[in-house]
Protein backbone atom coordinates (compact mmCIF):
# COMPACT_ATOMS: atom_id res chain seq x y z
CA MET A 1 5.06 -2.15 19.12
CA PRO A 2 1.55 -2.85 17.99
CA LEU A 3 0.87 -1.80 14.33
CA ASN A 4 -1.78 0.65 15.43
CA GLN A 5 0.86 2.60 17.09
CA LEU A 6 2.94 3.90 13.90
CA ALA A 7 6.55 4.78 14.70
CA ASP A 8 7.69 7.24 12.35
CA ASP A 9 5.21 10.15 12.19
CA GLY A 10 7.11 12.07 9.50
CA ARG A 11 7.50 9.36 6.90
CA VAL A 12 4.69 8.33 4.50
CA ALA A 13 5.14 5.07 2.68
CA CYS A 14 3.91 5.20 -0.95
CA PHE A 15 2.76 1.89 -2.76
CA SER A 16 2.25 1.63 -6.46
CA VAL A 17 0.27 -1.80 -7.26
CA SER A 18 -0.08 -2.85 -10.93
CA ALA A 19 -2.66 -5.69 -11.15
CA ALA A 20 -5.32 -7.29 -13.61
CA ALA A 21 -8.39 -5.55 -13.46
CA VAL A 22 -10.42 -8.02 -11.73
CA PRO A 23 -13.17 -7.59 -9.03
CA GLY A 24 -11.32 -8.96 -6.25
CA ALA A 25 -8.12 -7.03 -6.70
CA MET A 26 -8.88 -3.79 -4.63
CA PRO A 27 -10.63 -5.48 -1.49
CA ARG A 28 -7.75 -7.99 -1.35
CA VAL A 29 -5.10 -5.22 -1.36
CA LEU A 30 -7.10 -3.28 0.97
CA GLU A 31 -7.56 -6.21 3.30
CA VAL A 32 -3.87 -6.54 3.70
CA PHE A 33 -3.78 -3.19 5.65
CA ALA A 34 -7.20 -3.89 7.21
CA LYS A 35 -6.05 -6.97 8.80
CA GLU A 36 -3.31 -4.77 10.67
CA SER A 37 -6.20 -2.52 11.94
CA LEU A 38 -4.59 0.24 9.41
CA THR A 39 -6.54 2.63 6.96
CA PRO A 40 -4.38 4.00 4.15
CA THR A 41 -3.96 7.73 4.25
CA ARG A 42 -4.58 8.06 0.65
CA TRP A 43 -6.07 5.52 -1.97
CA THR A 44 -6.55 6.14 -5.61
CA SER A 45 -7.23 3.52 -8.43
CA THR A 46 -7.35 3.62 -12.16
CA VAL A 47 -8.60 1.08 -14.62
CA GLU A 48 -7.28 1.16 -18.31
CA GLY A 49 -8.18 -1.65 -20.26
CA GLN A 50 -7.38 -4.94 -18.44
CA ARG A 51 -4.82 -3.04 -16.18
CA LEU A 52 -5.55 -1.69 -12.59
CA THR A 53 -3.13 0.75 -10.92
CA ILE A 54 -3.64 1.32 -7.04
CA ASP A 55 -1.78 4.14 -5.44
CA ILE A 56 -1.70 3.82 -1.61
CA GLN A 57 -0.09 6.02 0.98
CA MET A 58 0.35 5.30 4.53
CA ALA A 59 1.53 7.98 6.99
CA GLY A 60 3.76 6.85 9.65
CA LEU A 61 4.49 3.36 8.33
CA PRO A 62 8.06 2.27 9.15
CA VAL A 63 10.43 0.73 6.41
CA ASP A 64 10.26 -2.75 7.80
CA ARG A 65 6.20 -2.83 7.66
CA THR A 66 6.51 -1.17 4.19
CA ASP A 67 8.69 -4.00 2.98
CA TYR A 68 6.23 -6.55 4.42
CA PHE A 69 3.09 -5.26 3.03
CA ALA A 70 4.64 -4.74 -0.51
CA ALA A 71 5.77 -8.55 -0.34
CA VAL A 72 2.42 -9.57 0.78
CA ILE A 73 0.68 -7.72 -1.82
CA GLY A 74 3.19 -8.75 -4.52
CA ALA A 75 2.32 -12.36 -3.87
CA MET A 76 -1.30 -11.83 -4.90
CA PRO A 77 -1.80 -13.81 -8.18
CA MET A 78 -3.35 -10.79 -9.89
CA VAL A 79 -0.80 -8.48 -8.97
CA GLU A 80 1.97 -7.91 -11.49
CA GLN A 81 4.17 -5.54 -9.68
CA VAL A 82 4.52 -3.39 -6.52
CA LEU A 83 6.77 -0.60 -6.40
CA THR A 84 7.47 1.40 -3.16
CA SER A 85 8.98 4.83 -2.22
CA ALA A 86 8.56 7.21 0.84
CA LYS A 87 8.25 10.92 1.38
CA SER A 88 8.55 13.15 4.46
CA LEU A 89 5.69 15.19 5.89
CA THR A 90 8.17 17.52 7.62
CA PRO A 91 9.85 20.24 5.39
CA ALA A 92 13.41 19.75 4.40
C-alpha cells in the first residue's frame, strides 16, 4: 500500500523527539515524513537552552510505519531520544 494511503484512520501516532537545538534539526525531522509525501497532523516544538523538543502527531499511521519513522529519526546524529505512543480518534 502506498504511504499516502494510510491504513488505520482511527489511530494517531505520536512522536516525542529530544534533540540538540541546532538549526538543521527541525527540517531534517520533517524531511523524514516529507520524503514519504506525508504531512504531520500536528507539530509543536520547544527550545529550552541547548535542548529541542519536537512533538509530532500523524493520524492514520500504522504501527509498522510508526516504528520505521522513529528508527530513522533516532539515527540522526543530533537526536538523543525518540519516544512513541498512539491514541485513538474514535471514542472508547
